[in-house]
Amino acid sequence: MNISAPFIQRPIATALLMVGLLVGGLIAYPLLPVASLPSVNYPTLTVTAQLPGTDPQTMASTVASPLELQFGEIPGHHAEFGIELHPHRHHPIAAH
């Protein structure tokens, strides 16, 4: 006996089964979790550079500028540069 024999012998039951599957699919379709923009985790590179006891100009010229030049050679990158200040020290630039 082949797999299609019961469906050929009972055409009304087959049609009802097909209608039931169609209705179930139409009801379930709007419930599918589809996002217009999927969640993507892009690779991130974090670089920490310290030069204790230097002023901001020296830090910019000897550390930040060479790093910016090196990162600028990476095609298709987006670079963000930040500064972390020590909470227990007076920083005149932080007051501005």
N, C-alpha and C. Protein backbone atom coordinates (compact mmCIF):
# COMPACT_ATOMS: atom_id res chain seq x y z
N MET A 1 0.84 -1.17 0.00
CA MET A 1 0.00 0.00 0.00
C MET A 1 0.90 1.25 0.00
N ASN A 2 0.58 2.16 -0.87
CA ASN A 2 1.38 3.38 -0.94
C ASN A 2 0.80 4.45 -0.02
N ILE A 3 1.58 5.50 0.19
CA ILE A 3 1.20 6.54 1.15
C ILE A 3 0.02 7.38 0.65
N SER A 4 -0.21 7.46 -0.63
CA SER A 4 -1.28 8.29 -1.15
C SER A 4 -2.63 7.55 -1.25
N ALA A 5 -2.65 6.26 -1.04
CA ALA A 5 -3.90 5.49 -1.20
C ALA A 5 -5.03 5.99 -0.30
N PRO A 6 -4.82 6.25 1.02
CA PRO A 6 -5.96 6.72 1.83
C PRO A 6 -6.49 8.08 1.38
N PHE A 7 -5.63 8.93 0.86
CA PHE A 7 -6.06 10.25 0.40
C PHE A 7 -6.85 10.16 -0.90
N ILE A 8 -6.50 9.19 -1.74
CA ILE A 8 -7.24 8.98 -2.99
C ILE A 8 -8.60 8.36 -2.69
N GLN A 9 -8.66 7.44 -1.73
CA GLN A 9 -9.92 6.76 -1.39
C GLN A 9 -10.89 7.69 -0.66
N ARG A 10 -10.39 8.70 0.03
CA ARG A 10 -11.24 9.62 0.80
C ARG A 10 -10.98 11.06 0.37
N PRO A 11 -11.53 11.48 -0.78
CA PRO A 11 -11.24 12.81 -1.29
C PRO A 11 -11.84 13.94 -0.43
N ILE A 12 -12.98 13.71 0.19
CA ILE A 12 -13.59 14.75 1.02
C ILE A 12 -12.75 14.97 2.28
N ALA A 13 -12.30 13.90 2.91
CA ALA A 13 -11.45 14.03 4.09
C ALA A 13 -10.12 14.71 3.71
N THR A 14 -9.62 14.38 2.54
CA THR A 14 -8.39 15.02 2.07
C THR A 14 -8.60 16.52 1.87
N ALA A 15 -9.72 16.91 1.27
CA ALA A 15 -10.01 18.33 1.07
C ALA A 15 -10.18 19.04 2.41
N LEU A 16 -10.87 18.43 3.38
CA LEU A 16 -11.03 19.02 4.69
C LEU A 16 -9.69 19.17 5.41
N LEU A 17 -8.83 18.19 5.27
CA LEU A 17 -7.50 18.27 5.86
C LEU A 17 -6.71 19.43 5.25
N MET A 18 -6.80 19.58 3.94
CA MET A 18 -6.09 20.67 3.27
C MET A 18 -6.63 22.02 3.70
N VAL A 19 -7.95 22.15 3.83
CA VAL A 19 -8.54 23.41 4.27
C VAL A 19 -8.13 23.71 5.72
N GLY A 20 -8.11 22.67 6.57
CA GLY A 20 -7.67 22.85 7.96
C GLY A 20 -6.23 23.32 8.05
N LEU A 21 -5.36 22.73 7.23
CA LEU A 21 -3.96 23.15 7.22
C LEU A 21 -3.82 24.58 6.69
N LEU A 22 -4.62 24.94 5.70
CA LEU A 22 -4.58 26.30 5.17
C LEU A 22 -5.04 27.31 6.21
N VAL A 23 -6.13 27.02 6.89
CA VAL A 23 -6.63 27.93 7.93
C VAL A 23 -5.62 28.04 9.07
N GLY A 24 -5.07 26.93 9.49
CA GLY A 24 -4.06 26.95 10.55
C GLY A 24 -2.84 27.76 10.15
N GLY A 25 -2.40 27.64 8.91
CA GLY A 25 -1.27 28.41 8.42
C GLY A 25 -1.57 29.90 8.35
N LEU A 26 -2.78 30.25 7.91
CA LEU A 26 -3.17 31.66 7.85
C LEU A 26 -3.27 32.29 9.23
N ILE A 27 -3.71 31.51 10.21
CA ILE A 27 -3.79 32.01 11.59
C ILE A 27 -2.39 32.16 12.18
N ALA A 28 -1.49 31.23 11.91
CA ALA A 28 -0.16 31.24 12.50
C ALA A 28 0.79 32.22 11.82
N TYR A 29 0.52 32.58 10.57
CA TYR A 29 1.45 33.44 9.82
C TYR A 29 1.72 34.78 10.50
N PRO A 30 0.70 35.51 10.97
CA PRO A 30 1.01 36.79 11.62
C PRO A 30 1.72 36.64 12.97
N LEU A 31 1.70 35.45 13.53
CA LEU A 31 2.33 35.23 14.82
C LEU A 31 3.81 34.88 14.71
N LEU A 32 4.33 34.75 13.49
CA LEU A 32 5.74 34.42 13.31
C LEU A 32 6.62 35.58 13.77
N PRO A 33 7.67 35.30 14.56
CA PRO A 33 8.55 36.38 15.04
C PRO A 33 9.56 36.79 13.97
N VAL A 34 9.21 37.79 13.19
CA VAL A 34 10.09 38.28 12.14
C VAL A 34 10.38 39.75 12.42
N ALA A 35 11.65 40.10 12.49
CA ALA A 35 12.06 41.47 12.74
C ALA A 35 12.44 42.13 11.41
N SER A 36 12.09 43.40 11.27
CA SER A 36 12.47 44.10 10.05
C SER A 36 13.98 44.29 9.98
N LEU A 37 14.62 44.53 11.12
CA LEU A 37 16.07 44.60 11.20
C LEU A 37 16.54 43.59 12.24
N PRO A 38 17.23 42.56 11.81
CA PRO A 38 17.66 41.53 12.77
C PRO A 38 18.70 42.06 13.74
N SER A 39 18.78 41.44 14.89
CA SER A 39 19.77 41.79 15.89
C SER A 39 21.12 41.21 15.48
N VAL A 40 22.10 42.09 15.32
CA VAL A 40 23.42 41.66 14.85
C VAL A 40 24.47 42.17 15.83
N ASN A 41 25.37 41.31 16.22
CA ASN A 41 26.49 41.70 17.08
C ASN A 41 27.73 41.85 16.20
N TYR A 42 28.17 43.09 16.04
CA TYR A 42 29.34 43.35 15.23
C TYR A 42 30.61 43.13 16.05
N PRO A 43 31.68 42.67 15.41
CA PRO A 43 32.93 42.49 16.14
C PRO A 43 33.44 43.84 16.67
N THR A 44 33.95 43.82 17.88
CA THR A 44 34.42 45.05 18.52
C THR A 44 35.85 44.84 18.99
N LEU A 45 36.66 45.85 18.78
CA LEU A 45 38.04 45.83 19.24
C LEU A 45 38.20 46.96 20.24
N THR A 46 38.67 46.63 21.44
CA THR A 46 38.88 47.62 22.47
C THR A 46 40.37 47.73 22.75
N VAL A 47 40.87 48.95 22.69
CA VAL A 47 42.29 49.21 22.93
C VAL A 47 42.40 50.14 24.13
N THR A 48 43.22 49.76 25.08
CA THR A 48 43.47 50.59 26.26
C THR A 48 44.93 51.01 26.23
N ALA A 49 45.15 52.30 26.31
CA ALA A 49 46.52 52.82 26.29
C ALA A 49 46.69 53.77 27.47
N GLN A 50 47.79 53.61 28.19
CA GLN A 50 48.06 54.46 29.34
C GLN A 50 49.48 55.00 29.23
N LEU A 51 49.62 56.23 29.63
CA LEU A 51 50.92 56.85 29.72
C LEU A 51 50.87 57.74 30.95
N PRO A 52 51.08 57.14 32.14
CA PRO A 52 50.89 57.89 33.40
C PRO A 52 51.79 59.11 33.50
N GLY A 53 51.22 60.18 34.02
CA GLY A 53 51.98 61.39 34.28
C GLY A 53 52.14 62.32 33.10
N THR A 54 51.47 62.07 31.99
CA THR A 54 51.61 62.95 30.83
C THR A 54 50.45 63.93 30.74
N ASP A 55 50.68 65.00 30.04
CA ASP A 55 49.62 65.98 29.84
C ASP A 55 48.79 65.57 28.62
N PRO A 56 47.62 66.17 28.43
CA PRO A 56 46.75 65.77 27.32
C PRO A 56 47.37 65.94 25.93
N GLN A 57 48.17 66.98 25.73
CA GLN A 57 48.79 67.19 24.42
C GLN A 57 49.77 66.06 24.09
N THR A 58 50.57 65.67 25.08
CA THR A 58 51.53 64.57 24.86
C THR A 58 50.78 63.27 24.60
N MET A 59 49.73 63.02 25.36
CA MET A 59 48.94 61.81 25.18
C MET A 59 48.32 61.78 23.77
N ALA A 60 47.85 62.94 23.31
CA ALA A 60 47.25 63.00 21.98
C ALA A 60 48.27 62.75 20.89
N SER A 61 49.45 63.34 21.03
CA SER A 61 50.44 63.22 19.96
C SER A 61 51.17 61.89 19.97
N THR A 62 51.43 61.32 21.14
CA THR A 62 52.22 60.08 21.19
C THR A 62 51.38 58.81 21.24
N VAL A 63 50.11 58.91 21.64
CA VAL A 63 49.29 57.70 21.77
C VAL A 63 48.08 57.73 20.85
N ALA A 64 47.26 58.76 20.98
CA ALA A 64 45.99 58.79 20.25
C ALA A 64 46.18 58.93 18.74
N SER A 65 47.04 59.85 18.31
CA SER A 65 47.24 60.05 16.87
C SER A 65 47.78 58.82 16.16
N PRO A 66 48.82 58.15 16.70
CA PRO A 66 49.27 56.92 16.02
C PRO A 66 48.20 55.83 15.97
N LEU A 67 47.40 55.73 17.04
CA LEU A 67 46.32 54.74 17.02
C LEU A 67 45.28 55.08 15.96
N GLU A 68 44.92 56.36 15.86
CA GLU A 68 43.96 56.79 14.85
C GLU A 68 44.48 56.51 13.45
N LEU A 69 45.75 56.73 13.22
CA LEU A 69 46.33 56.46 11.90
C LEU A 69 46.28 54.97 11.58
N GLN A 70 46.59 54.14 12.55
CA GLN A 70 46.57 52.70 12.33
C GLN A 70 45.14 52.20 12.09
N PHE A 71 44.18 52.69 12.88
CA PHE A 71 42.80 52.26 12.70
C PHE A 71 42.21 52.81 11.41
N GLY A 72 42.72 53.94 10.95
CA GLY A 72 42.25 54.52 9.69
C GLY A 72 42.56 53.67 8.49
N GLU A 73 43.53 52.77 8.61
CA GLU A 73 43.91 51.89 7.50
C GLU A 73 42.99 50.68 7.37
N ILE A 74 42.13 50.44 8.35
CA ILE A 74 41.21 49.30 8.31
C ILE A 74 40.01 49.70 7.45
N PRO A 75 39.74 48.97 6.36
CA PRO A 75 38.63 49.35 5.49
C PRO A 75 37.28 49.06 6.15
N GLY A 76 36.34 49.97 5.97
CA GLY A 76 34.98 49.78 6.46
C GLY A 76 34.84 49.79 7.96
N HIS A 77 35.64 50.54 8.65
CA HIS A 77 35.59 50.57 10.11
C HIS A 77 34.86 51.81 10.61
N HIS A 78 34.45 51.75 11.84
CA HIS A 78 33.88 52.90 12.53
C HIS A 78 34.61 53.00 13.85
N ALA A 79 35.31 54.10 14.06
CA ALA A 79 36.13 54.25 15.27
C ALA A 79 35.52 55.29 16.19
N GLU A 80 35.53 54.97 17.46
CA GLU A 80 35.12 55.91 18.50
C GLU A 80 36.26 56.00 19.51
N PHE A 81 36.56 57.21 19.92
CA PHE A 81 37.62 57.41 20.89
C PHE A 81 37.02 58.06 22.11
N GLY A 82 37.40 57.58 23.28
CA GLY A 82 36.89 58.13 24.52
C GLY A 82 38.01 58.33 25.51
N ILE A 83 37.67 58.94 26.60
CA ILE A 83 38.63 59.18 27.66
C ILE A 83 37.98 58.83 28.97
N GLU A 84 38.74 58.18 29.83
CA GLU A 84 38.24 57.81 31.15
C GLU A 84 39.05 58.59 32.18
N LEU A 85 38.35 59.36 32.99
CA LEU A 85 39.01 60.18 33.99
C LEU A 85 38.96 59.50 35.35
N HIS A 86 40.03 59.61 36.09
CA HIS A 86 40.09 59.04 37.43
C HIS A 86 39.14 59.83 38.34
N PRO A 87 38.28 59.18 39.10
CA PRO A 87 37.26 59.91 39.86
C PRO A 87 37.79 60.72 41.04
N HIS A 88 38.98 60.43 41.54
CA HIS A 88 39.48 61.10 42.73
C HIS A 88 40.52 62.18 42.42
N ARG A 89 40.67 62.54 41.15
CA ARG A 89 41.64 63.57 40.78
C ARG A 89 40.90 64.75 40.19
N HIS A 90 41.49 65.93 40.37
CA HIS A 90 40.92 67.14 39.80
C HIS A 90 41.31 67.22 38.32
N HIS A 91 40.31 67.37 37.46
CA HIS A 91 40.56 67.46 36.03
C HIS A 91 39.98 68.79 35.54
N PRO A 92 40.83 69.77 35.23
CA PRO A 92 40.32 71.07 34.78
C PRO A 92 39.51 70.97 33.51
N ILE A 93 39.85 70.06 32.63
CA ILE A 93 39.10 69.94 31.36
C ILE A 93 37.71 69.35 31.59
N ALA A 94 37.53 68.59 32.66
CA ALA A 94 36.23 67.98 32.95
C ALA A 94 35.22 69.01 33.42
N ALA A 95 35.68 70.15 33.89
CA ALA A 95 34.77 71.18 34.39
C ALA A 95 34.11 71.94 33.25
N HIS A 96 34.63 71.84 32.04
CA HIS A 96 34.10 72.61 30.90
C HIS A 96 32.99 71.89 30.24
